[in-house]
C-alpha atoms as a PDB file:
ATOM      1  CA  UNK A   1      -5.263  56.362 -91.870  1.00  0.00           C
ATOM      2  CA  UNK A   2      -6.227  56.599 -88.216  1.00  0.00           C
ATOM      3  CA  UNK A   3      -7.978  54.693 -85.455  1.00  0.00           C
ATOM      4  CA  UNK A   4     -10.001  56.202 -82.656  1.00  0.00           C
ATOM      5  CA  UNK A   5      -8.667  56.509 -79.140  1.00  0.00           C
ATOM      6  CA  UNK A   6     -10.232  53.747 -76.986  1.00  0.00           C
ATOM      7  CA  UNK A   7     -12.278  56.230 -74.915  1.00  0.00           C
ATOM      8  CA  UNK A   8     -14.182  57.149 -78.088  1.00  0.00           C
ATOM      9  CA  UNK A   9     -14.382  53.613 -79.490  1.00  0.00           C
ATOM     10  CA  UNK A  10     -16.457  52.654 -76.451  1.00  0.00           C
ATOM     11  CA  UNK A  11     -18.702  55.743 -76.559  1.00  0.00           C
ATOM     12  CA  UNK A  12     -22.431  55.426 -77.120  1.00  0.00           C
ATOM     13  CA  UNK A  13     -22.393  59.074 -78.205  1.00  0.00           C
ATOM     14  CA  UNK A  14     -19.959  61.987 -78.284  1.00  0.00           C
ATOM     15  CA  UNK A  15     -20.925  65.509 -77.252  1.00  0.00           C
ATOM     16  CA  UNK A  16     -18.652  68.321 -78.380  1.00  0.00           C
ATOM     17  CA  UNK A  17     -18.337  71.720 -76.790  1.00  0.00           C
ATOM     18  CA  UNK A  18     -17.935  74.446 -79.404  1.00  0.00           C
ATOM     19  CA  UNK A  19     -15.766  77.355 -78.250  1.00  0.00           C
ATOM     20  CA  UNK A  20     -12.179  76.252 -77.794  1.00  0.00           C
ATOM     21  CA  UNK A  21     -12.903  72.720 -79.040  1.00  0.00           C
ATOM     22  CA  UNK A  22     -14.206  73.065 -82.591  1.00  0.00           C
ATOM     23  CA  UNK A  23     -12.311  76.328 -83.109  1.00  0.00           C
ATOM     24  CA  UNK A  24     -10.222  78.815 -81.169  1.00  0.00           C
ATOM     25  CA  UNK A  25     -13.005  81.373 -80.804  1.00  0.00           C
ATOM     26  CA  UNK A  26     -11.998  82.752 -77.407  1.00  0.00           C
ATOM     27  CA  UNK A  27      -9.784  85.551 -78.812  1.00  0.00           C
ATOM     28  CA  UNK A  28     -12.791  86.747 -80.822  1.00  0.00           C
ATOM     29  CA  UNK A  29     -15.028  86.713 -77.737  1.00  0.00           C
ATOM     30  CA  UNK A  30     -12.352  88.476 -75.718  1.00  0.00           C
ATOM     31  CA  UNK A  31     -11.979  91.138 -78.385  1.00  0.00           C
ATOM     32  CA  UNK A  32     -15.752  91.728 -78.523  1.00  0.00           C
ATOM     33  CA  UNK A  33     -15.921  92.063 -74.753  1.00  0.00           C
ATOM     34  CA  UNK A  34     -12.993  94.471 -74.866  1.00  0.00           C
ATOM     35  CA  UNK A  35     -14.650  96.653 -77.504  1.00  0.00           C
ATOM     36  CA  UNK A  36     -17.871  96.937 -75.499  1.00  0.00           C
ATOM     37  CA  UNK A  37     -16.028  97.751 -72.284  1.00  0.00           C
ATOM     38  CA  UNK A  38     -13.663 100.222 -73.964  1.00  0.00           C
ATOM     39  CA  UNK A  39     -16.695 102.232 -75.045  1.00  0.00           C
ATOM     40  CA  UNK A  40     -17.391 102.634 -71.334  1.00  0.00           C
ATOM     41  CA  UNK A  41     -13.825 103.281 -70.242  1.00  0.00           C
ATOM     42  CA  UNK A  42     -13.364  99.851 -68.657  1.00  0.00           C
ATOM     43  CA  UNK A  43     -11.303  96.715 -69.277  1.00  0.00           C
ATOM     44  CA  UNK A  44     -10.882  93.239 -67.798  1.00  0.00           C
ATOM     45  CA  UNK A  45      -7.530  91.708 -66.959  1.00  0.00           C
ATOM     46  CA  UNK A  46      -6.269  88.514 -68.565  1.00  0.00           C
ATOM     47  CA  UNK A  47      -6.858  86.724 -65.259  1.00  0.00           C
ATOM     48  CA  UNK A  48     -10.431  87.961 -65.049  1.00  0.00           C
ATOM     49  CA  UNK A  49     -11.154  86.896 -68.606  1.00  0.00           C
ATOM     50  CA  UNK A  50      -9.692  83.431 -68.025  1.00  0.00           C
ATOM     51  CA  UNK A  51     -12.166  82.947 -65.157  1.00  0.00           C
ATOM     52  CA  UNK A  52     -15.035  83.722 -67.555  1.00  0.00           C
ATOM     53  CA  UNK A  53     -14.116  81.071 -70.120  1.00  0.00           C
ATOM     54  CA  UNK A  54     -16.857  78.448 -70.268  1.00  0.00           C
ATOM     55  CA  UNK A  55     -19.356  80.629 -68.376  1.00  0.00           C
ATOM     56  CA  UNK A  56     -22.600  81.539 -70.148  1.00  0.00           C
ATOM     57  CA  UNK A  57     -22.733  84.860 -71.961  1.00  0.00           C
ATOM     58  CA  UNK A  58     -25.586  85.985 -69.745  1.00  0.00           C
ATOM     59  CA  UNK A  59     -23.607  85.238 -66.592  1.00  0.00           C
ATOM     60  CA  UNK A  60     -20.554  86.976 -68.045  1.00  0.00           C
ATOM     61  CA  UNK A  61     -22.392  90.210 -68.671  1.00  0.00           C
ATOM     62  CA  UNK A  62     -24.129  90.109 -65.292  1.00  0.00           C
ATOM     63  CA  UNK A  63     -20.656  89.868 -63.759  1.00  0.00           C
ATOM     64  CA  UNK A  64     -19.410  92.747 -65.924  1.00  0.00           C
ATOM     65  CA  UNK A  65     -22.275  95.017 -64.861  1.00  0.00           C
ATOM     66  CA  UNK A  66     -21.583  94.282 -61.200  1.00  0.00           C
ATOM     67  CA  UNK A  67     -17.795  94.464 -61.561  1.00  0.00           C
ATOM     68  CA  UNK A  68     -17.801  97.914 -63.141  1.00  0.00           C
ATOM     69  CA  UNK A  69     -21.055  99.267 -61.737  1.00  0.00           C
ATOM     70  CA  UNK A  70     -22.478  99.851 -65.222  1.00  0.00           C
ATOM     71  CA  UNK A  71     -25.926 101.310 -65.771  1.00  0.00           C
ATOM     72  CA  UNK A  72     -26.503  99.092 -68.814  1.00  0.00           C
ATOM     73  CA  UNK A  73     -28.689  96.007 -68.600  1.00  0.00           C
ATOM     74  CA  UNK A  74     -26.713  92.757 -69.089  1.00  0.00           C
ATOM     75  CA  UNK A  75     -29.005  91.809 -71.975  1.00  0.00           C
ATOM     76  CA  UNK A  76     -28.218  95.058 -73.780  1.00  0.00           C
ATOM     77  CA  UNK A  77     -24.491  94.517 -73.376  1.00  0.00           C
ATOM     78  CA  UNK A  78     -24.806  90.954 -74.645  1.00  0.00           C
ATOM     79  CA  UNK A  79     -26.642  92.125 -77.762  1.00  0.00           C
ATOM     80  CA  UNK A  80     -24.028  94.825 -78.315  1.00  0.00           C
ATOM     81  CA  UNK A  81     -21.167  92.355 -77.954  1.00  0.00           C
ATOM     82  CA  UNK A  82     -22.744  89.973 -80.447  1.00  0.00           C
ATOM     83  CA  UNK A  83     -23.052  92.812 -82.981  1.00  0.00           C
ATOM     84  CA  UNK A  84     -19.252  93.026 -82.738  1.00  0.00           C
ATOM     85  CA  UNK A  85     -18.768  89.269 -82.522  1.00  0.00           C
ATOM     86  CA  UNK A  86     -20.798  88.014 -85.480  1.00  0.00           C
ATOM     87  CA  UNK A  87     -18.834  89.756 -88.271  1.00  0.00           C
ATOM     88  CA  UNK A  88     -15.582  88.532 -86.714  1.00  0.00           C
ATOM     89  CA  UNK A  89     -16.832  84.934 -86.583  1.00  0.00           C
ATOM     90  CA  UNK A  90     -17.680  85.004 -90.278  1.00  0.00           C
ATOM     91  CA  UNK A  91     -14.110  86.050 -91.076  1.00  0.00           C
ATOM     92  CA  UNK A  92     -11.018  83.895 -90.814  1.00  0.00           C
ATOM     93  CA  UNK A  93     -12.250  81.323 -88.302  1.00  0.00           C
ATOM     94  CA  UNK A  94     -10.863  77.844 -88.972  1.00  0.00           C
ATOM     95  CA  UNK A  95     -11.491  74.439 -87.419  1.00  0.00           C
ATOM     96  CA  UNK A  96      -9.092  73.346 -84.684  1.00  0.00           C
ATOM     97  CA  UNK A  97      -6.543  70.667 -85.652  1.00  0.00           C
ATOM     98  CA  UNK A  98      -8.135  67.226 -85.834  1.00  0.00           C
ATOM     99  CA  UNK A  99     -11.762  68.405 -85.644  1.00  0.00           C
ATOM    100  CA  UNK A 100     -12.846  67.607 -89.190  1.00  0.00           C
ATOM    101  CA  UNK A 101     -11.049  64.257 -89.216  1.00  0.00           C
ATOM    102  CA  UNK A 102     -12.484  63.256 -85.833  1.00  0.00           C
ATOM    103  CA  UNK A 103     -16.058  64.236 -86.680  1.00  0.00           C
ATOM    104  CA  UNK A 104     -15.804  62.476 -90.037  1.00  0.00           C
ATOM    105  CA  UNK A 105     -14.480  59.276 -88.463  1.00  0.00           C
ATOM    106  CA  UNK A 106     -17.102  59.208 -85.725  1.00  0.00           C
ATOM    107  CA  UNK A 107     -19.914  59.756 -88.227  1.00  0.00           C
ATOM    108  CA  UNK A 108     -18.519  56.987 -90.447  1.00  0.00           C
ATOM    109  CA  UNK A 109     -18.645  54.622 -87.465  1.00  0.00           C
ATOM    110  CA  UNK A 110     -22.259  55.583 -86.791  1.00  0.00           C
ATOM    111  CA  UNK A 111     -21.512  57.221 -83.425  1.00  0.00           C
ATOM    112  CA  UNK A 112     -24.269  59.725 -82.553  1.00  0.00           C
ATOM    113  CA  UNK A 113     -22.854  63.241 -82.273  1.00  0.00           C
ATOM    114  CA  UNK A 114     -24.194  66.302 -80.476  1.00  0.00           C
ATOM    115  CA  UNK A 115     -23.026  69.822 -79.787  1.00  0.00           C
ATOM    116  CA  UNK A 116     -23.504  71.315 -76.318  1.00  0.00           C
ATOM    117  CA  UNK A 117     -22.550  74.990 -76.194  1.00  0.00           C
ATOM    118  CA  UNK A 118     -23.267  77.825 -73.771  1.00  0.00           C
ATOM    119  CA  UNK A 119     -23.321  80.263 -76.687  1.00  0.00           C
ATOM    120  CA  UNK A 120     -26.596  81.606 -78.012  1.00  0.00           C
ATOM    121  CA  UNK A 121     -28.061  79.816 -81.026  1.00  0.00           C
ATOM    122  CA  UNK A 122     -27.302  82.489 -83.672  1.00  0.00           C
ATOM    123  CA  UNK A 123     -23.642  82.367 -82.647  1.00  0.00           C
ATOM    124  CA  UNK A 124     -23.612  78.549 -82.680  1.00  0.00           C
ATOM    125  CA  UNK A 125     -25.157  78.462 -86.131  1.00  0.00           C
ATOM    126  CA  UNK A 126     -22.693  81.044 -87.444  1.00  0.00           C
ATOM    127  CA  UNK A 127     -19.680  79.109 -86.172  1.00  0.00           C
ATOM    128  CA  UNK A 128     -20.910  75.745 -87.464  1.00  0.00           C
ATOM    129  CA  UNK A 129     -21.653  77.243 -90.876  1.00  0.00           C
ATOM    130  CA  UNK A 130     -18.235  78.870 -91.048  1.00  0.00           C
ATOM    131  CA  UNK A 131     -16.505  75.578 -90.176  1.00  0.00           C
ATOM    132  CA  UNK A 132     -18.582  73.533 -92.625  1.00  0.00           C
ATOM    133  CA  UNK A 133     -20.141  71.547 -89.755  1.00  0.00           C
ATOM    134  CA  UNK A 134     -23.731  72.757 -89.990  1.00  0.00           C
ATOM    135  CA  UNK A 135     -25.000  69.217 -90.677  1.00  0.00           C
ATOM    136  CA  UNK A 136     -22.454  67.301 -88.621  1.00  0.00           C
ATOM    137  CA  UNK A 137     -24.452  66.954 -85.400  1.00  0.00           C
ATOM    138  CA  UNK A 138     -27.701  65.080 -84.845  1.00  0.00           C
ATOM    139  CA  UNK A 139     -28.492  67.348 -81.883  1.00  0.00           C
ATOM    140  CA  UNK A 140     -27.417  70.922 -81.199  1.00  0.00           C
ATOM    141  CA  UNK A 141     -28.087  72.366 -77.744  1.00  0.00           C
ATOM    142  CA  UNK A 142     -27.285  76.034 -77.179  1.00  0.00           C
ATOM    143  CA  UNK A 143     -27.416  78.270 -74.144  1.00  0.00           C
ATOM    144  CA  UNK A 144     -30.877  79.353 -75.301  1.00  0.00           C
ATOM    145  CA  UNK A 145     -32.225  75.834 -74.757  1.00  0.00           C
ATOM    146  CA  UNK A 146     -31.604  75.431 -71.022  1.00  0.00           C
ATOM    147  CA  UNK A 147     -32.163  77.431 -67.862  1.00  0.00           C
ATOM    148  CA  UNK A 148     -28.779  76.793 -66.279  1.00  0.00           C
ATOM    149  CA  UNK A 149     -25.394  77.064 -67.964  1.00  0.00           C
ATOM    150  CA  UNK A 150     -22.236  75.096 -67.272  1.00  0.00           C
ATOM    151  CA  UNK A 151     -21.078  73.823 -64.795  1.00  0.00           C
ATOM    152  CA  UNK A 152     -24.723  72.793 -64.409  1.00  0.00           C
ATOM    153  CA  UNK A 153     -25.088  69.582 -66.473  1.00  0.00           C
ATOM    154  CA  UNK A 154     -28.348  70.656 -68.151  1.00  0.00           C
ATOM    155  CA  UNK A 155     -26.825  71.296 -71.595  1.00  0.00           C
ATOM    156  CA  UNK A 156     -25.177  67.889 -71.781  1.00  0.00           C
ATOM    157  CA  UNK A 157     -28.139  66.031 -70.307  1.00  0.00           C
ATOM    158  CA  UNK A 158     -30.423  67.668 -72.872  1.00  0.00           C
ATOM    159  CA  UNK A 159     -28.025  66.690 -75.657  1.00  0.00           C
ATOM    160  CA  UNK A 160     -28.068  63.063 -74.491  1.00  0.00           C
ATOM    161  CA  UNK A 161     -31.863  63.155 -74.271  1.00  0.00           C
ATOM    162  CA  UNK A 162     -32.170  64.434 -77.821  1.00  0.00           C
ATOM    163  CA  UNK A 163     -29.812  61.729 -79.060  1.00  0.00           C
ATOM    164  CA  UNK A 164     -31.720  59.062 -77.146  1.00  0.00           C
ATOM    165  CA  UNK A 165     -28.526  57.847 -75.458  1.00  0.00           C
ATOM    166  CA  UNK A 166     -28.012  57.271 -71.730  1.00  0.00           C
ATOM    167  CA  UNK A 167     -25.843  59.933 -70.110  1.00  0.00           C
ATOM    168  CA  UNK A 168     -23.497  57.282 -68.722  1.00  0.00           C
ATOM    169  CA  UNK A 169     -22.719  56.134 -72.273  1.00  0.00           C
ATOM    170  CA  UNK A 170     -21.741  59.609 -73.501  1.00  0.00           C
ATOM    171  CA  UNK A 171     -18.295  61.156 -73.828  1.00  0.00           C
ATOM    172  CA  UNK A 172     -17.993  64.930 -73.537  1.00  0.00           C
ATOM    173  CA  UNK A 173     -15.141  66.807 -75.215  1.00  0.00           C
ATOM    174  CA  UNK A 174     -14.503  70.096 -73.401  1.00  0.00           C
ATOM    175  CA  UNK A 175     -11.785  72.683 -72.931  1.00  0.00           C
ATOM    176  CA  UNK A 176     -13.127  74.767 -70.023  1.00  0.00           C
ATOM    177  CA  UNK A 177     -13.249  73.925 -66.336  1.00  0.00           C
ATOM    178  CA  UNK A 178     -17.002  74.686 -66.066  1.00  0.00           C
ATOM    179  CA  UNK A 179     -17.629  72.474 -69.091  1.00  0.00           C
ATOM    180  CA  UNK A 180     -15.603  69.561 -67.763  1.00  0.00           C
ATOM    181  CA  UNK A 181     -17.374  69.834 -64.423  1.00  0.00           C
ATOM    182  CA  UNK A 182     -20.717  69.861 -66.224  1.00  0.00           C
ATOM    183  CA  UNK A 183     -19.765  66.626 -67.959  1.00  0.00           C
ATOM    184  CA  UNK A 184     -18.783  65.106 -64.629  1.00  0.00           C
ATOM    185  CA  UNK A 185     -22.035  66.215 -63.002  1.00  0.00           C
ATOM    186  CA  UNK A 186     -23.944  64.679 -65.924  1.00  0.00           C
ATOM    187  CA  UNK A 187     -22.310  61.315 -65.211  1.00  0.00           C
ATOM    188  CA  UNK A 188     -20.467  61.284 -68.533  1.00  0.00           C
ATOM    189  CA  UNK A 189     -16.876  60.486 -69.421  1.00  0.00           C
ATOM    190  CA  UNK A 190     -14.865  63.639 -70.085  1.00  0.00           C
ATOM    191  CA  UNK A 191     -12.041  64.388 -72.499  1.00  0.00           C
ATOM    192  CA  UNK A 192     -10.337  67.617 -71.493  1.00  0.00           C
ATOM    193  CA  UNK A 193      -8.607  69.639 -74.198  1.00  0.00           C
ATOM    194  CA  UNK A 194      -5.980  71.807 -72.578  1.00  0.00           C
ATOM    195  CA  UNK A 195      -5.979  75.482 -73.523  1.00  0.00           C
ATOM    196  CA  UNK A 196      -4.030  78.635 -72.732  1.00  0.00           C
ATOM    197  CA  UNK A 197      -6.549  79.247 -69.952  1.00  0.00           C
ATOM    198  CA  UNK A 198      -5.887  75.960 -68.121  1.00  0.00           C
ATOM    199  CA  UNK A 199      -2.107  75.723 -68.323  1.00  0.00           C
ATOM    200  CA  UNK A 200      -0.729  74.235 -65.125  1.00  0.00           C
ATOM    201  CA  UNK A 201      -4.168  73.334 -63.758  1.00  0.00           C
ATOM    202  CA  UNK A 202      -5.368  69.867 -62.850  1.00  0.00           C
ATOM    203  CA  UNK A 203      -8.311  69.137 -65.124  1.00  0.00           C
ATOM    204  CA  UNK A 204     -11.394  67.160 -63.995  1.00  0.00           C
ATOM    205  CA  UNK A 205     -11.249  64.819 -66.987  1.00  0.00           C
ATOM    206  CA  UNK A 206     -10.812  61.113 -67.676  1.00  0.00           C
ATOM    207  CA  UNK A 207      -8.355  61.910 -70.453  1.00  0.00           C
ATOM    208  CA  UNK A 208      -6.434  65.139 -71.076  1.00  0.00           C
ATOM    209  CA  UNK A 209      -5.120  66.005 -74.538  1.00  0.00           C
ATOM    210  CA  UNK A 210      -3.310  69.002 -75.969  1.00  0.00           C
ATOM    211  CA  UNK A 211      -5.172  68.677 -79.277  1.00  0.00           C
ATOM    212  CA  UNK A 212      -7.963  66.598 -80.782  1.00  0.00           C
ATOM    213  CA  UNK A 213      -5.345  65.060 -83.054  1.00  0.00           C
ATOM    214  CA  UNK A 214      -4.285  62.974 -80.040  1.00  0.00           C
ATOM    215  CA  UNK A 215      -7.652  61.179 -80.246  1.00  0.00           C
ATOM    216  CA  UNK A 216      -6.706  59.875 -83.678  1.00  0.00           C
ATOM    217  CA  UNK A 217      -4.239  57.010 -83.305  1.00  0.00           C
ATOM    218  CA  UNK A 218      -2.094  56.074 -86.349  1.00  0.00           C
ATOM    219  CA  UNK A 219      -3.528  52.898 -87.884  1.00  0.00           C
ATOM    220  CA  UNK A 220      -0.190  51.089 -87.564  1.00  0.00           C
ATOM    221  CA  UNK A 221      -0.289  51.494 -83.781  1.00  0.00           C
ATOM    222  CA  UNK A 222      -2.467  49.563 -81.321  1.00  0.00           C
ATOM    223  CA  UNK A 223      -5.573  51.510 -80.267  1.00  0.00           C
ATOM    224  CA  UNK A 224      -5.993  49.736 -76.942  1.00  0.00           C
END
């Protein structure tokens, strides 16, 4: 049995990022980007890819076109990458440690839950279905639903609006720097989940964890 970390016990709502929080999808995205670029004789470095984590897909492909001087339209490259991405997402993707337990506990306590992801809606739906979380969130906001991606706070503010909860009462769970900054700009509390892309960096979060399992306190320990 577990108890919630105090930062979540006090939350009016919890908004989850998807990529890197619900599941370790970044290697799949990186592979899809690599396939598309390899077809054009190009490649990004590990450092360049790390800087793209948390950025919208549209912004990523605009950067790619400019970086390599490609003749392709960013939208065409995005569609091509998703044709590579979608079969991979339906394969062996598994929920990150602690995700199912945390979502289940929050729902049992009646805490409103939302998803705020920069990914396009078909990708979001595919990931949630694969993880068995298709019905876990009362509101799902994708990159298709807002004009500006993270670090703009629009995604998280829209999620709070759909839940009917004040932004100041929400807790965001994020793994990327743009996402954490978006939560800050939205006036929300932020839980930062450290990833391979943020090792050694100071994270703009109220609480930093290595895994969502750290948000589940053993029931025989004090939770505050």
